[in-house]
Amino acid sequence: MNNNYIFLKKTLLTTAIVFISTISSFAQEPTSKINNFWSQVEFGGGLGLNFGDGYFSSSITPNALYRFSPYIATGIGLNFSYSSQKKVFKSTVLGGSIIGLFNPIREIQVSTEFEQLHVSRNFDEKYVTNADDNYWYPALFIGAGYTSSNVTIGIRYDMLYDKDKSIYSEAWMPFVRFRF
């Protein structure tokens, strides 16, 4: 069995166990403590849409973060995207991520994010000689950004970038994070 697949299963299982254990431990607490837990949870993510001459791409990336203090937050995210180029390819990407944020001051955010994605690429044999691909791709991002209100704008770098396998065209990429 593929080591990346086993790693993803273990990571997702561990995350689920920690999340369920945390929720269960709060079930024994008075209601005010449960409400305090949820008041520290921030939801966010992004939406993407791109289209052109025979090209279409869309993505949705929701996430949930728990703010331990004004300086530290951690959470999980999901990633789904679909791309197609008429008579060339269709691609589906599905995966998850673990996110860590550090704000040394309110306006500055330093981030780490481990992302594990399943990539499925199907090429049209009439026009492209590439073989279809199905594989797992890991990415480890470090980043920095400027935060104003509920929006952070910054840049991040994929420490595990592989130009032949990555769904991203470059290791460096800008980002915009929204939370509410």
N, C-alpha and C. Protein backbone atom coordinates (compact mmCIF):
# COMPACT_ATOMS: atom_id res chain seq x y z
N MET A 1 0.86 -1.18 0.00
CA MET A 1 0.00 0.00 0.00
C MET A 1 0.90 1.24 0.00
N ASN A 2 0.49 2.28 -0.64
CA ASN A 2 1.25 3.51 -0.78
C ASN A 2 1.50 4.14 0.59
N ASN A 3 2.76 4.50 0.88
CA ASN A 3 3.11 5.10 2.17
C ASN A 3 2.39 6.41 2.41
N ASN A 4 2.21 7.23 1.37
CA ASN A 4 1.50 8.50 1.53
C ASN A 4 0.06 8.25 1.94
N TYR A 5 -0.58 7.23 1.37
CA TYR A 5 -1.95 6.90 1.71
C TYR A 5 -2.04 6.47 3.17
N ILE A 6 -1.12 5.63 3.61
CA ILE A 6 -1.10 5.18 5.01
C ILE A 6 -0.87 6.37 5.93
N PHE A 7 0.07 7.25 5.56
CA PHE A 7 0.34 8.44 6.37
C PHE A 7 -0.91 9.31 6.47
N LEU A 8 -1.62 9.53 5.35
CA LEU A 8 -2.83 10.35 5.37
C LEU A 8 -3.88 9.73 6.27
N LYS A 9 -4.08 8.40 6.18
CA LYS A 9 -5.06 7.74 7.02
C LYS A 9 -4.72 7.92 8.49
N LYS A 10 -3.45 7.75 8.85
CA LYS A 10 -3.03 7.91 10.25
C LYS A 10 -3.23 9.35 10.71
N THR A 11 -2.87 10.32 9.84
CA THR A 11 -3.01 11.74 10.19
C THR A 11 -4.47 12.10 10.40
N LEU A 12 -5.34 11.69 9.49
CA LEU A 12 -6.76 11.99 9.61
C LEU A 12 -7.37 11.30 10.81
N LEU A 13 -6.98 10.03 11.08
CA LEU A 13 -7.49 9.31 12.23
C LEU A 13 -7.06 9.99 13.53
N THR A 14 -5.79 10.38 13.62
CA THR A 14 -5.30 11.06 14.82
C THR A 14 -6.02 12.38 15.03
N THR A 15 -6.20 13.15 13.96
CA THR A 15 -6.90 14.43 14.06
C THR A 15 -8.34 14.21 14.52
N ALA A 16 -9.01 13.21 13.97
CA ALA A 16 -10.39 12.92 14.36
C ALA A 16 -10.47 12.51 15.83
N ILE A 17 -9.54 11.67 16.28
CA ILE A 17 -9.55 11.24 17.68
C ILE A 17 -9.32 12.42 18.62
N VAL A 18 -8.36 13.27 18.30
CA VAL A 18 -8.10 14.45 19.13
C VAL A 18 -9.32 15.36 19.17
N PHE A 19 -9.93 15.59 18.01
CA PHE A 19 -11.10 16.46 17.93
C PHE A 19 -12.26 15.88 18.74
N ILE A 20 -12.54 14.58 18.57
CA ILE A 20 -13.64 13.94 19.30
C ILE A 20 -13.35 13.93 20.80
N SER A 21 -12.10 13.66 21.18
CA SER A 21 -11.74 13.66 22.60
C SER A 21 -11.94 15.04 23.21
N THR A 22 -11.56 16.07 22.47
CA THR A 22 -11.71 17.44 22.96
C THR A 22 -13.19 17.77 23.14
N ILE A 23 -14.00 17.43 22.15
CA ILE A 23 -15.44 17.69 22.24
C ILE A 23 -16.03 16.90 23.41
N SER A 24 -15.64 15.63 23.54
CA SER A 24 -16.17 14.78 24.61
C SER A 24 -15.80 15.31 25.99
N SER A 25 -14.58 15.80 26.14
CA SER A 25 -14.16 16.31 27.44
C SER A 25 -14.95 17.55 27.82
N PHE A 26 -15.37 18.34 26.83
CA PHE A 26 -16.18 19.52 27.12
C PHE A 26 -17.63 19.15 27.42
N ALA A 27 -18.05 17.95 27.03
CA ALA A 27 -19.42 17.53 27.28
C ALA A 27 -19.68 17.39 28.78
N GLN A 28 -18.65 17.18 29.58
CA GLN A 28 -18.79 17.03 31.02
C GLN A 28 -18.74 18.37 31.75
N GLU A 29 -18.41 19.44 31.04
CA GLU A 29 -18.26 20.76 31.64
C GLU A 29 -19.59 21.50 31.66
N PRO A 30 -19.70 22.49 32.54
CA PRO A 30 -20.90 23.33 32.53
C PRO A 30 -21.05 24.02 31.17
N THR A 31 -22.27 24.42 30.86
CA THR A 31 -22.59 25.03 29.57
C THR A 31 -21.73 26.26 29.28
N SER A 32 -21.40 27.04 30.28
CA SER A 32 -20.61 28.26 30.04
C SER A 32 -19.22 27.92 29.50
N LYS A 33 -18.63 26.81 29.95
CA LYS A 33 -17.33 26.42 29.43
C LYS A 33 -17.43 25.90 28.00
N ILE A 34 -18.52 25.19 27.68
CA ILE A 34 -18.73 24.73 26.31
C ILE A 34 -18.88 25.92 25.38
N ASN A 35 -19.69 26.90 25.79
CA ASN A 35 -19.87 28.10 24.98
C ASN A 35 -18.55 28.84 24.82
N ASN A 36 -17.71 28.83 25.85
CA ASN A 36 -16.41 29.48 25.78
C ASN A 36 -15.53 28.78 24.74
N PHE A 37 -15.59 27.44 24.67
CA PHE A 37 -14.83 26.71 23.65
C PHE A 37 -15.23 27.19 22.26
N TRP A 38 -16.54 27.20 21.97
CA TRP A 38 -17.00 27.57 20.63
C TRP A 38 -16.76 29.05 20.33
N SER A 39 -16.65 29.87 21.35
CA SER A 39 -16.36 31.29 21.09
C SER A 39 -14.91 31.48 20.64
N GLN A 40 -14.06 30.47 20.86
CA GLN A 40 -12.66 30.54 20.43
C GLN A 40 -12.44 29.92 19.04
N VAL A 41 -13.48 29.33 18.46
CA VAL A 41 -13.37 28.70 17.15
C VAL A 41 -13.65 29.74 16.06
N GLU A 42 -12.75 29.76 15.07
CA GLU A 42 -12.90 30.66 13.93
C GLU A 42 -13.05 29.80 12.67
N PHE A 43 -13.97 30.16 11.83
CA PHE A 43 -14.17 29.47 10.56
C PHE A 43 -13.70 30.39 9.44
N GLY A 44 -13.23 29.78 8.37
CA GLY A 44 -12.77 30.57 7.25
C GLY A 44 -12.51 29.70 6.05
N GLY A 45 -11.71 30.21 5.14
CA GLY A 45 -11.37 29.46 3.95
C GLY A 45 -11.36 30.32 2.72
N GLY A 46 -11.52 29.68 1.60
CA GLY A 46 -11.49 30.42 0.35
C GLY A 46 -12.29 29.74 -0.74
N LEU A 47 -12.64 30.51 -1.74
CA LEU A 47 -13.31 30.03 -2.93
C LEU A 47 -12.51 30.50 -4.13
N GLY A 48 -12.45 29.69 -5.15
CA GLY A 48 -11.72 30.08 -6.35
C GLY A 48 -12.50 29.74 -7.60
N LEU A 49 -12.41 30.58 -8.61
CA LEU A 49 -13.06 30.36 -9.89
C LEU A 49 -12.19 30.99 -10.96
N ASN A 50 -11.89 30.20 -11.99
CA ASN A 50 -11.04 30.67 -13.07
C ASN A 50 -11.54 30.05 -14.36
N PHE A 51 -11.69 30.84 -15.38
CA PHE A 51 -12.11 30.28 -16.66
C PHE A 51 -11.59 31.14 -17.80
N GLY A 52 -11.46 30.50 -18.94
CA GLY A 52 -10.97 31.17 -20.13
C GLY A 52 -11.34 30.35 -21.35
N ASP A 53 -10.61 30.51 -22.42
CA ASP A 53 -10.90 29.85 -23.68
C ASP A 53 -10.76 28.33 -23.54
N GLY A 54 -11.87 27.66 -23.23
CA GLY A 54 -11.87 26.20 -23.07
C GLY A 54 -11.33 25.72 -21.75
N TYR A 55 -10.99 26.62 -20.83
CA TYR A 55 -10.42 26.26 -19.53
C TYR A 55 -11.40 26.62 -18.42
N PHE A 56 -11.47 25.75 -17.40
CA PHE A 56 -12.29 26.01 -16.23
C PHE A 56 -11.60 25.45 -15.00
N SER A 57 -11.66 26.19 -13.90
CA SER A 57 -11.10 25.73 -12.64
C SER A 57 -11.93 26.31 -11.50
N SER A 58 -12.20 25.49 -10.50
CA SER A 58 -12.89 25.98 -9.31
C SER A 58 -12.31 25.28 -8.09
N SER A 59 -12.41 25.95 -6.94
CA SER A 59 -11.92 25.35 -5.70
C SER A 59 -12.71 25.87 -4.51
N ILE A 60 -12.75 25.04 -3.48
CA ILE A 60 -13.35 25.43 -2.21
C ILE A 60 -12.45 24.87 -1.11
N THR A 61 -12.08 25.73 -0.16
CA THR A 61 -11.12 25.34 0.88
C THR A 61 -11.58 25.84 2.26
N PRO A 62 -12.57 25.19 2.87
CA PRO A 62 -13.00 25.61 4.20
C PRO A 62 -12.00 25.18 5.27
N ASN A 63 -11.97 25.93 6.38
CA ASN A 63 -11.15 25.52 7.51
C ASN A 63 -11.77 25.98 8.82
N ALA A 64 -11.33 25.37 9.90
CA ALA A 64 -11.76 25.74 11.25
C ALA A 64 -10.51 25.81 12.12
N LEU A 65 -10.40 26.90 12.89
CA LEU A 65 -9.25 27.12 13.76
C LEU A 65 -9.72 27.32 15.20
N TYR A 66 -8.93 26.81 16.14
CA TYR A 66 -9.18 27.09 17.55
C TYR A 66 -8.12 28.07 18.02
N ARG A 67 -8.55 29.21 18.55
CA ARG A 67 -7.64 30.26 19.01
C ARG A 67 -7.36 30.01 20.49
N PHE A 68 -6.13 29.54 20.79
CA PHE A 68 -5.72 29.29 22.17
C PHE A 68 -5.48 30.59 22.93
N SER A 69 -4.99 31.58 22.22
CA SER A 69 -4.70 32.90 22.79
C SER A 69 -4.69 33.89 21.63
N PRO A 70 -4.52 35.17 21.90
CA PRO A 70 -4.44 36.12 20.78
C PRO A 70 -3.22 35.86 19.88
N TYR A 71 -2.29 35.02 20.34
CA TYR A 71 -1.05 34.78 19.60
C TYR A 71 -1.01 33.45 18.85
N ILE A 72 -1.76 32.43 19.33
CA ILE A 72 -1.61 31.08 18.78
C ILE A 72 -2.98 30.49 18.41
N ALA A 73 -3.03 29.88 17.22
CA ALA A 73 -4.23 29.17 16.77
C ALA A 73 -3.80 27.94 15.98
N THR A 74 -4.62 26.92 16.00
CA THR A 74 -4.37 25.72 15.20
C THR A 74 -5.70 25.17 14.73
N GLY A 75 -5.65 24.41 13.65
CA GLY A 75 -6.90 23.87 13.14
C GLY A 75 -6.70 22.94 11.97
N ILE A 76 -7.82 22.65 11.31
CA ILE A 76 -7.83 21.74 10.18
C ILE A 76 -8.55 22.40 9.00
N GLY A 77 -8.24 21.90 7.82
CA GLY A 77 -8.88 22.42 6.62
C GLY A 77 -9.14 21.32 5.61
N LEU A 78 -10.02 21.60 4.69
CA LEU A 78 -10.31 20.70 3.58
C LEU A 78 -9.98 21.42 2.28
N ASN A 79 -9.72 20.64 1.24
CA ASN A 79 -9.37 21.21 -0.05
C ASN A 79 -10.05 20.39 -1.14
N PHE A 80 -10.82 21.07 -1.99
CA PHE A 80 -11.39 20.41 -3.16
C PHE A 80 -11.24 21.34 -4.35
N SER A 81 -10.71 20.81 -5.45
CA SER A 81 -10.64 21.62 -6.66
C SER A 81 -10.86 20.74 -7.89
N TYR A 82 -11.37 21.39 -8.92
CA TYR A 82 -11.62 20.72 -10.18
C TYR A 82 -11.12 21.64 -11.29
N SER A 83 -10.40 21.06 -12.25
CA SER A 83 -9.90 21.83 -13.39
C SER A 83 -10.11 21.03 -14.66
N SER A 84 -10.33 21.73 -15.76
CA SER A 84 -10.41 21.05 -17.05
C SER A 84 -10.00 22.00 -18.17
N GLN A 85 -9.38 21.44 -19.16
CA GLN A 85 -9.04 22.14 -20.40
C GLN A 85 -9.66 21.33 -21.52
N LYS A 86 -10.52 21.96 -22.30
CA LYS A 86 -11.25 21.26 -23.36
C LYS A 86 -10.28 20.50 -24.26
N LYS A 87 -10.55 19.21 -24.45
CA LYS A 87 -9.79 18.29 -25.30
C LYS A 87 -8.35 18.06 -24.81
N VAL A 88 -8.06 18.40 -23.55
CA VAL A 88 -6.71 18.19 -23.03
C VAL A 88 -6.75 17.34 -21.75
N PHE A 89 -7.41 17.82 -20.68
CA PHE A 89 -7.40 17.08 -19.41
C PHE A 89 -8.57 17.48 -18.52
N LYS A 90 -8.77 16.64 -17.50
CA LYS A 90 -9.65 16.93 -16.37
C LYS A 90 -8.90 16.52 -15.12
N SER A 91 -8.98 17.34 -14.09
CA SER A 91 -8.23 17.08 -12.87
C SER A 91 -9.12 17.33 -11.65
N THR A 92 -9.07 16.40 -10.69
CA THR A 92 -9.77 16.55 -9.43
C THR A 92 -8.74 16.41 -8.31
N VAL A 93 -8.80 17.32 -7.34
CA VAL A 93 -7.88 17.28 -6.20
C VAL A 93 -8.73 17.34 -4.92
N LEU A 94 -8.47 16.41 -4.01
CA LEU A 94 -9.22 16.34 -2.77
C LEU A 94 -8.24 16.03 -1.64
N GLY A 95 -8.35 16.75 -0.54
CA GLY A 95 -7.44 16.49 0.57
C GLY A 95 -7.76 17.30 1.81
N GLY A 96 -6.82 17.28 2.73
CA GLY A 96 -6.98 17.99 3.99
C GLY A 96 -5.68 18.61 4.43
N SER A 97 -5.77 19.44 5.48
CA SER A 97 -4.57 20.09 5.99
C SER A 97 -4.67 20.32 7.49
N ILE A 98 -3.51 20.45 8.09
CA ILE A 98 -3.38 20.83 9.49
C ILE A 98 -2.67 22.18 9.50
N ILE A 99 -3.24 23.14 10.21
CA ILE A 99 -2.77 24.53 10.14
C ILE A 99 -2.33 25.00 11.52
N GLY A 100 -1.22 25.74 11.57
CA GLY A 100 -0.77 26.40 12.79
C GLY A 100 -0.48 27.86 12.51
N LEU A 101 -1.01 28.74 13.36
CA LEU A 101 -0.80 30.18 13.18
C LEU A 101 -0.18 30.79 14.42
N PHE A 102 0.72 31.73 14.21
CA PHE A 102 1.34 32.47 15.31
C PHE A 102 1.32 33.95 14.95
N ASN A 103 0.76 34.76 15.84
CA ASN A 103 0.70 36.21 15.65
C ASN A 103 1.56 36.87 16.73
N PRO A 104 2.84 37.19 16.42
CA PRO A 104 3.68 37.84 17.43
C PRO A 104 3.12 39.21 17.82
N ILE A 105 2.49 39.88 16.87
CA ILE A 105 1.68 41.08 17.11
C ILE A 105 0.41 40.91 16.29
N ARG A 106 -0.62 41.67 16.62
CA ARG A 106 -1.93 41.46 16.00
C ARG A 106 -1.90 41.52 14.47
N GLU A 107 -1.10 42.38 13.88
CA GLU A 107 -1.10 42.57 12.43
C GLU A 107 -0.22 41.59 11.67
N ILE A 108 0.70 40.91 12.33
CA ILE A 108 1.64 40.01 11.66
C ILE A 108 1.28 38.56 11.99
N GLN A 109 1.21 37.72 10.94
CA GLN A 109 0.88 36.31 11.13
C GLN A 109 1.94 35.44 10.47
N VAL A 110 2.46 34.48 11.22
CA VAL A 110 3.39 33.47 10.71
C VAL A 110 2.60 32.16 10.71
N SER A 111 2.71 31.40 9.61
CA SER A 111 1.89 30.20 9.50
C SER A 111 2.70 29.00 9.05
N THR A 112 2.20 27.84 9.45
CA THR A 112 2.67 26.56 8.93
C THR A 112 1.42 25.77 8.55
N GLU A 113 1.54 25.00 7.48
CA GLU A 113 0.40 24.20 7.05
C GLU A 113 0.91 22.95 6.34
N PHE A 114 0.48 21.80 6.85
CA PHE A 114 0.78 20.54 6.17
C PHE A 114 -0.48 20.13 5.41
N GLU A 115 -0.31 19.90 4.11
CA GLU A 115 -1.43 19.58 3.24
C GLU A 115 -1.16 18.23 2.58
N GLN A 116 -2.15 17.35 2.58
CA GLN A 116 -2.03 16.06 1.90
C GLN A 116 -3.16 15.98 0.90
N LEU A 117 -2.82 15.89 -0.39
CA LEU A 117 -3.81 15.95 -1.45
C LEU A 117 -3.78 14.71 -2.33
N HIS A 118 -4.97 14.24 -2.70
CA HIS A 118 -5.07 13.17 -3.70
C HIS A 118 -5.35 13.83 -5.03
N VAL A 119 -4.48 13.58 -6.01
CA VAL A 119 -4.56 14.19 -7.33
C VAL A 119 -4.99 13.12 -8.33
N SER A 120 -6.00 13.45 -9.12
CA SER A 120 -6.45 12.56 -10.18
C SER A 120 -6.47 13.38 -11.48
N ARG A 121 -5.59 13.02 -12.41
CA ARG A 121 -5.52 13.72 -13.69
C ARG A 121 -5.85 12.74 -14.81
N ASN A 122 -6.80 13.12 -15.65
CA ASN A 122 -7.20 12.30 -16.78
C ASN A 122 -6.99 13.10 -18.06
N PHE A 123 -6.12 12.57 -18.92
CA PHE A 123 -5.78 13.26 -20.17
C PHE A 123 -6.57 12.68 -21.33
N ASP A 124 -6.92 13.51 -22.30
CA ASP A 124 -7.61 13.06 -23.51
C ASP A 124 -6.58 12.44 -24.44
N GLU A 125 -6.72 11.14 -24.69
CA GLU A 125 -5.72 10.42 -25.49
C GLU A 125 -5.61 10.91 -26.93
N LYS A 126 -6.66 11.55 -27.45
CA LYS A 126 -6.62 12.05 -28.82
C LYS A 126 -5.65 13.22 -28.98
N TYR A 127 -5.43 13.98 -27.90
CA TYR A 127 -4.67 15.22 -28.03
C TYR A 127 -3.40 15.27 -27.19
N VAL A 128 -3.32 14.43 -26.15
CA VAL A 128 -2.16 14.48 -25.24
C VAL A 128 -1.67 13.06 -25.01
N THR A 129 -0.36 12.86 -25.05
CA THR A 129 0.20 11.51 -24.86
C THR A 129 0.55 11.20 -23.40
N ASN A 130 0.30 12.13 -22.49
CA ASN A 130 0.59 11.88 -21.07
C ASN A 130 -0.29 10.75 -20.55
N ALA A 131 0.25 9.97 -19.64
CA ALA A 131 -0.52 8.92 -18.98
C ALA A 131 -1.37 9.55 -17.88
N ASP A 132 -2.53 8.96 -17.63
CA ASP A 132 -3.37 9.45 -16.54
C ASP A 132 -2.62 9.25 -15.22
N ASP A 133 -2.88 10.13 -14.27
CA ASP A 133 -2.20 10.11 -12.97
C ASP A 133 -3.21 10.01 -11.84
N ASN A 134 -2.90 9.21 -10.83
CA ASN A 134 -3.61 9.17 -9.55
C ASN A 134 -2.55 8.99 -8.49
N TYR A 135 -2.38 10.00 -7.63
CA TYR A 135 -1.33 9.91 -6.61
C TYR A 135 -1.63 10.86 -5.46
N TRP A 136 -0.92 10.64 -4.36
CA TRP A 136 -1.00 11.52 -3.19
C TRP A 136 0.18 12.48 -3.23
N TYR A 137 -0.09 13.74 -2.91
CA TYR A 137 0.98 14.73 -2.90
C TYR A 137 0.97 15.50 -1.58
N PRO A 138 2.09 15.49 -0.86
CA PRO A 138 2.17 16.28 0.37
C PRO A 138 2.77 17.66 0.09
N ALA A 139 2.36 18.63 0.87
CA ALA A 139 2.95 19.97 0.80
C ALA A 139 3.12 20.48 2.23
N LEU A 140 4.23 21.13 2.50
CA LEU A 140 4.49 21.72 3.81
C LEU A 140 4.81 23.19 3.59
N PHE A 141 3.87 24.04 3.97
CA PHE A 141 4.01 25.48 3.73
C PHE A 141 4.46 26.21 4.99
N ILE A 142 5.35 27.18 4.79
CA ILE A 142 5.63 28.18 5.82
C ILE A 142 5.27 29.51 5.18
N GLY A 143 4.72 30.39 5.97
CA GLY A 143 4.27 31.64 5.38
C GLY A 143 4.27 32.79 6.36
N ALA A 144 4.07 33.98 5.83
CA ALA A 144 3.97 35.19 6.64
C ALA A 144 2.97 36.11 5.95
N GLY A 145 2.21 36.83 6.78
CA GLY A 145 1.21 37.70 6.21
C GLY A 145 0.88 38.88 7.10
N TYR A 146 0.15 39.80 6.53
CA TYR A 146 -0.34 40.98 7.23
C TYR A 146 -1.84 40.82 7.47
N THR A 147 -2.28 41.00 8.72
CA THR A 147 -3.68 40.82 9.09
C THR A 147 -4.33 42.16 9.37
N SER A 148 -5.50 42.35 8.79
CA SER A 148 -6.32 43.52 9.07
C SER A 148 -7.75 43.04 9.23
N SER A 149 -8.32 43.22 10.40
CA SER A 149 -9.66 42.75 10.71
C SER A 149 -9.72 41.24 10.54
N ASN A 150 -10.54 40.73 9.62
CA ASN A 150 -10.70 39.28 9.44
C ASN A 150 -10.03 38.77 8.18
N VAL A 151 -9.08 39.51 7.63
CA VAL A 151 -8.41 39.13 6.39
C VAL A 151 -6.90 39.16 6.61
N THR A 152 -6.22 38.12 6.11
CA THR A 152 -4.76 38.09 6.13
C THR A 152 -4.28 37.92 4.69
N ILE A 153 -3.34 38.76 4.28
CA ILE A 153 -2.74 38.70 2.95
C ILE A 153 -1.26 38.43 3.15
N GLY A 154 -0.73 37.44 2.41
CA GLY A 154 0.68 37.12 2.60
C GLY A 154 1.23 36.25 1.50
N ILE A 155 2.37 35.64 1.81
CA ILE A 155 3.04 34.74 0.88
C ILE A 155 3.47 33.51 1.66
N ARG A 156 3.47 32.36 0.96
CA ARG A 156 3.90 31.11 1.60
C ARG A 156 4.79 30.34 0.64
N TYR A 157 5.57 29.42 1.23
CA TYR A 157 6.54 28.64 0.46
C TYR A 157 6.35 27.16 0.78
N ASP A 158 6.28 26.33 -0.26
CA ASP A 158 6.13 24.88 -0.10
C ASP A 158 7.51 24.25 0.06
N MET A 159 7.81 23.79 1.25
CA MET A 159 9.11 23.19 1.56
C MET A 159 9.31 21.84 0.85
N LEU A 160 8.22 21.18 0.43
CA LEU A 160 8.30 19.87 -0.22
C LEU A 160 8.02 19.95 -1.71
N TYR A 161 8.13 21.12 -2.29
CA TYR A 161 7.74 21.35 -3.68
C TYR A 161 8.45 20.40 -4.65
N ASP A 162 7.66 19.79 -5.54
CA ASP A 162 8.16 18.92 -6.60
C ASP A 162 7.49 19.39 -7.89
N LYS A 163 8.26 19.98 -8.79
CA LYS A 163 7.67 20.60 -9.98
C LYS A 163 6.94 19.59 -10.86
N ASP A 164 7.26 18.31 -10.78
CA ASP A 164 6.60 17.30 -11.60
C ASP A 164 5.29 16.79 -11.01
N LYS A 165 5.12 16.91 -9.70
CA LYS A 165 3.94 16.35 -9.06
C LYS A 165 3.01 17.39 -8.43
N SER A 166 3.52 18.55 -8.11
CA SER A 166 2.72 19.55 -7.41
C SER A 166 1.56 20.05 -8.27
N ILE A 167 0.45 20.36 -7.64
CA ILE A 167 -0.65 20.98 -8.36
C ILE A 167 -0.43 22.48 -8.50
N TYR A 168 0.57 22.98 -7.80
CA TYR A 168 0.90 24.41 -7.85
C TYR A 168 2.04 24.62 -8.84
N SER A 169 2.01 25.75 -9.56
CA SER A 169 3.03 25.99 -10.59
C SER A 169 4.37 26.43 -10.01
N GLU A 170 4.38 26.96 -8.80
CA GLU A 170 5.60 27.45 -8.14
C GLU A 170 5.59 27.08 -6.66
N ALA A 171 6.77 27.06 -6.05
CA ALA A 171 6.86 26.80 -4.62
C ALA A 171 6.41 28.03 -3.82
N TRP A 172 6.65 29.23 -4.32
CA TRP A 172 6.20 30.47 -3.70
C TRP A 172 4.81 30.80 -4.20
N MET A 173 3.91 31.17 -3.31
CA MET A 173 2.59 31.58 -3.76
C MET A 173 1.95 32.55 -2.78
N PRO A 174 1.25 33.53 -3.30
CA PRO A 174 0.52 34.46 -2.42
C PRO A 174 -0.72 33.77 -1.86
N PHE A 175 -1.24 34.29 -0.74
CA PHE A 175 -2.47 33.76 -0.19
C PHE A 175 -3.30 34.89 0.41
N VAL A 176 -4.59 34.64 0.51
CA VAL A 176 -5.54 35.50 1.21
C VAL A 176 -6.36 34.58 2.08
N ARG A 177 -6.37 34.84 3.39
CA ARG A 177 -7.18 34.04 4.33
C ARG A 177 -8.31 34.91 4.86
N PHE A 178 -9.52 34.34 4.85
CA PHE A 178 -10.68 34.99 5.43
C PHE A 178 -11.13 34.18 6.62
N ARG A 179 -11.60 34.85 7.65
CA ARG A 179 -12.17 34.11 8.78
C ARG A 179 -13.36 34.90 9.33
N PHE A 180 -14.25 34.17 9.95
CA PHE A 180 -15.43 34.81 10.54
C PHE A 180 -15.87 34.06 11.77
